[in-house]
């Protein structure tokens, strides 16, 4: 009776069980033919790593304090070219391992044809009070408006083709404050 009720319930709900197919017992008259081998699945292609910021052909390099011919200047023009007074993004090599580096903001402080002189920025708060670093404050170059610090003792020489994008224009009072410190403490002309 219970089996009859179960069958009736399955029929009403539309969930009837399908009959189980059982293989026929093998016959002695004919041996079974071997099954063809299934094709091997193609090996998955490894994911291609995407670099965060490819190195420019001629990466920026650290140079000594500029001497004659390369002056500090303030001449920002948002025209697609990196000009003094603008903060641009470029690949900057690490000081302890120049073969490695990262994309970071750089303040352009001078220009000589297609070569720019720049000072790197950092948003690491542990820079406060460190020698050779000056608090710059927040700016449009950082999408999160974090305060930034600028490194005054490491001058980067950057080829124009190594610039990724223009980030912002640094206001004249902050640029003039940086220029005064560079002239007074670091021997800039």
Protein backbone atom coordinates (compact mmCIF):
# COMPACT_ATOMS: atom_id res chain seq x y z
CA UNK A 1 0.00 0.00 0.00
CA UNK A 2 2.83 2.37 0.85
CA UNK A 3 4.46 1.73 -2.55
CA UNK A 4 1.15 2.53 -4.26
CA UNK A 5 0.90 5.85 -2.41
CA UNK A 6 4.50 6.74 -3.32
CA UNK A 7 3.84 5.97 -6.99
CA UNK A 8 0.66 8.05 -6.96
CA UNK A 9 2.48 10.96 -5.34
CA UNK A 10 5.32 10.79 -7.90
CA UNK A 11 2.76 10.70 -10.71
CA UNK A 12 0.97 13.78 -9.34
CA UNK A 13 4.21 15.71 -8.91
CA UNK A 14 5.57 14.62 -12.29
CA UNK A 15 8.68 13.03 -10.81
CA UNK A 16 8.22 9.47 -11.87
CA UNK A 17 11.29 7.37 -11.71
CA UNK A 18 12.64 6.13 -14.99
CA UNK A 19 13.17 2.44 -15.29
CA UNK A 20 16.72 1.36 -14.71
CA UNK A 21 18.34 -0.11 -17.81
CA UNK A 22 20.47 -3.09 -17.12
CA UNK A 23 23.05 -4.32 -19.59
CA UNK A 24 22.33 -7.65 -21.24
CA UNK A 25 24.51 -10.49 -20.12
CA UNK A 26 27.37 -11.17 -22.55
CA UNK A 27 26.88 -13.92 -25.07
CA UNK A 28 29.56 -16.47 -25.71
CA UNK A 29 29.24 -16.37 -29.48
CA UNK A 30 30.86 -13.00 -30.24
CA UNK A 31 33.73 -11.23 -28.42
CA UNK A 32 33.15 -7.55 -27.68
CA UNK A 33 34.96 -5.13 -30.00
CA UNK A 34 37.40 -2.75 -28.30
CA UNK A 35 36.12 0.77 -27.88
CA UNK A 36 38.03 3.51 -29.73
CA UNK A 37 40.14 5.71 -27.48
CA UNK A 38 38.60 9.04 -26.62
CA UNK A 39 40.53 12.05 -27.96
CA UNK A 40 42.77 13.70 -25.40
CA UNK A 41 41.54 17.12 -24.28
CA UNK A 42 43.74 20.02 -25.30
CA UNK A 43 46.01 21.24 -22.54
CA UNK A 44 44.82 24.54 -21.10
CA UNK A 45 46.84 27.55 -22.18
CA UNK A 46 48.72 29.18 -19.32
CA UNK A 47 47.54 32.65 -18.40
CA UNK A 48 49.77 35.38 -19.77
CA UNK A 49 50.93 37.61 -16.93
CA UNK A 50 50.14 41.28 -17.50
CA UNK A 51 52.83 43.67 -16.30
CA UNK A 52 51.53 46.55 -14.20
CA UNK A 53 53.77 49.02 -15.92
CA UNK A 54 56.21 48.01 -18.66
CA UNK A 55 59.67 49.52 -18.49
CA UNK A 56 60.31 52.25 -21.03
CA UNK A 57 62.96 51.55 -23.67
CA UNK A 58 65.38 53.88 -21.91
CA UNK A 59 64.39 53.83 -18.24
CA UNK A 60 64.95 56.88 -16.04
CA UNK A 61 68.35 57.03 -14.41
CA UNK A 62 69.68 58.82 -11.39
CA UNK A 63 72.00 61.68 -12.25
CA UNK A 64 74.05 64.09 -10.17
CA UNK A 65 72.71 67.54 -9.32
CA UNK A 66 72.51 69.41 -12.63
CA UNK A 67 75.24 71.86 -13.42
CA UNK A 68 75.31 74.57 -16.06
CA UNK A 69 72.67 74.57 -18.78
CA UNK A 70 69.91 72.83 -16.84
CA UNK A 71 67.97 75.26 -14.73
CA UNK A 72 64.99 74.83 -12.47
CA UNK A 73 61.94 76.12 -14.26
CA UNK A 74 58.18 76.41 -13.80
CA UNK A 75 56.38 76.25 -17.14
CA UNK A 76 53.42 73.83 -17.01
CA UNK A 77 51.28 73.51 -20.13
CA UNK A 78 48.84 70.59 -20.30
CA UNK A 79 49.61 69.93 -23.96
CA UNK A 80 50.63 66.28 -23.85
CA UNK A 81 54.32 67.09 -23.27
CA UNK A 82 55.83 66.84 -19.81
CA UNK A 83 56.80 70.34 -18.72
CA UNK A 84 58.50 71.67 -15.57
CA UNK A 85 55.92 72.12 -12.84
CA UNK A 86 53.87 69.11 -13.94
CA UNK A 87 53.64 65.82 -12.11
CA UNK A 88 53.77 62.92 -14.56
CA UNK A 89 53.75 59.14 -14.18
CA UNK A 90 56.70 57.06 -15.30
CA UNK A 91 58.50 53.85 -14.45
CA UNK A 92 61.14 54.55 -11.77
CA UNK A 93 63.86 51.99 -11.02
CA UNK A 94 64.51 51.01 -7.43
CA UNK A 95 67.69 52.53 -6.05
CA UNK A 96 68.99 49.23 -4.63
CA UNK A 97 68.08 47.18 -7.76
CA UNK A 98 67.84 49.26 -10.96
CA UNK A 99 66.60 46.21 -12.89
CA UNK A 100 63.34 46.48 -10.95
CA UNK A 101 61.05 49.40 -10.22
CA UNK A 102 57.48 50.64 -10.36
CA UNK A 103 55.24 53.22 -11.96
CA UNK A 104 55.12 56.35 -9.82
CA UNK A 105 54.50 60.10 -9.93
CA UNK A 106 57.45 62.38 -10.67
CA UNK A 107 57.65 66.18 -10.50
CA UNK A 108 59.34 67.58 -13.60
CA UNK A 109 61.70 70.36 -12.46
CA UNK A 110 63.65 70.95 -15.67
CA UNK A 111 63.73 70.04 -19.33
CA UNK A 112 66.43 69.83 -21.99
CA UNK A 113 64.94 69.01 -25.42
CA UNK A 114 63.45 65.47 -25.01
CA UNK A 115 65.03 64.82 -21.61
CA UNK A 116 63.41 65.85 -18.36
CA UNK A 117 64.78 66.16 -14.86
CA UNK A 118 62.40 64.89 -12.23
CA UNK A 119 62.00 64.20 -8.53
CA UNK A 120 59.96 61.19 -7.42
CA UNK A 121 56.96 61.35 -5.13
CA UNK A 122 55.82 58.86 -2.50
CA UNK A 123 52.60 58.51 -0.54
CA UNK A 124 54.17 56.43 2.24
CA UNK A 125 53.44 58.24 5.48
CA UNK A 126 56.64 57.01 7.11
CA UNK A 127 58.56 59.60 5.05
CA UNK A 128 57.53 62.39 7.40
CA UNK A 129 60.63 63.84 9.02
CA UNK A 130 63.07 61.75 6.96
CA UNK A 131 66.16 63.46 5.61
CA UNK A 132 65.95 64.36 1.88
CA UNK A 133 62.14 64.09 1.87
CA UNK A 134 59.79 67.07 1.96
CA UNK A 135 56.08 66.92 2.74
CA UNK A 136 54.16 68.02 -0.34
CA UNK A 137 50.58 67.36 0.74
CA UNK A 138 47.75 65.93 -1.36
CA UNK A 139 47.18 66.67 -5.03
CA UNK A 140 45.37 65.62 -8.20
CA UNK A 141 48.14 63.15 -9.11
CA UNK A 142 46.81 60.76 -6.44
CA UNK A 143 43.24 59.58 -7.06
CA UNK A 144 42.77 58.91 -3.32
CA UNK A 145 44.01 62.42 -2.35
CA UNK A 146 46.63 60.97 -0.02
CA UNK A 147 49.39 63.29 1.20
CA UNK A 148 52.64 62.94 -0.73
CA UNK A 149 56.33 63.50 -0.04
CA UNK A 150 58.96 64.46 -2.62
CA UNK A 151 62.52 63.14 -2.61
CA UNK A 152 64.98 66.00 -3.05
CA UNK A 153 68.35 64.21 -3.31
CA UNK A 154 67.65 61.77 -6.16
CA UNK A 155 67.41 63.47 -9.55
CA UNK A 156 65.93 61.35 -12.33
CA UNK A 157 66.76 61.91 -15.98
CA UNK A 158 63.71 60.82 -17.97
CA UNK A 159 63.37 60.45 -21.73
CA UNK A 160 60.16 61.99 -23.04
CA UNK A 161 59.06 58.60 -24.41
CA UNK A 162 59.22 57.16 -20.88
CA UNK A 163 56.32 59.29 -19.64
CA UNK A 164 53.04 57.36 -19.20
CA UNK A 165 50.66 60.24 -18.62
CA UNK A 166 50.33 63.69 -17.19
CA UNK A 167 49.03 63.61 -13.64
CA UNK A 168 48.59 67.20 -12.52
CA UNK A 169 50.12 70.64 -12.32
CA UNK A 170 51.82 71.48 -9.04
CA UNK A 171 50.85 74.96 -7.85
CA UNK A 172 53.50 77.67 -8.09
CA UNK A 173 53.98 78.26 -4.31
CA UNK A 174 54.82 74.59 -3.65
CA UNK A 175 57.12 74.46 -6.70
CA UNK A 176 58.93 77.62 -5.55
CA UNK A 177 59.37 76.15 -2.05
CA UNK A 178 60.94 73.00 -3.57
CA UNK A 179 63.18 75.08 -5.89
CA UNK A 180 64.42 77.21 -2.96
CA UNK A 181 65.37 74.09 -0.96
CA UNK A 182 67.09 72.54 -4.00
CA UNK A 183 69.16 75.69 -4.56
CA UNK A 184 70.00 76.20 -0.87
CA UNK A 185 70.67 72.59 0.24
CA UNK A 186 71.54 70.65 -2.92
CA UNK A 187 73.58 73.06 -5.07
CA UNK A 188 71.14 73.57 -7.91
CA UNK A 189 71.97 76.55 -10.16
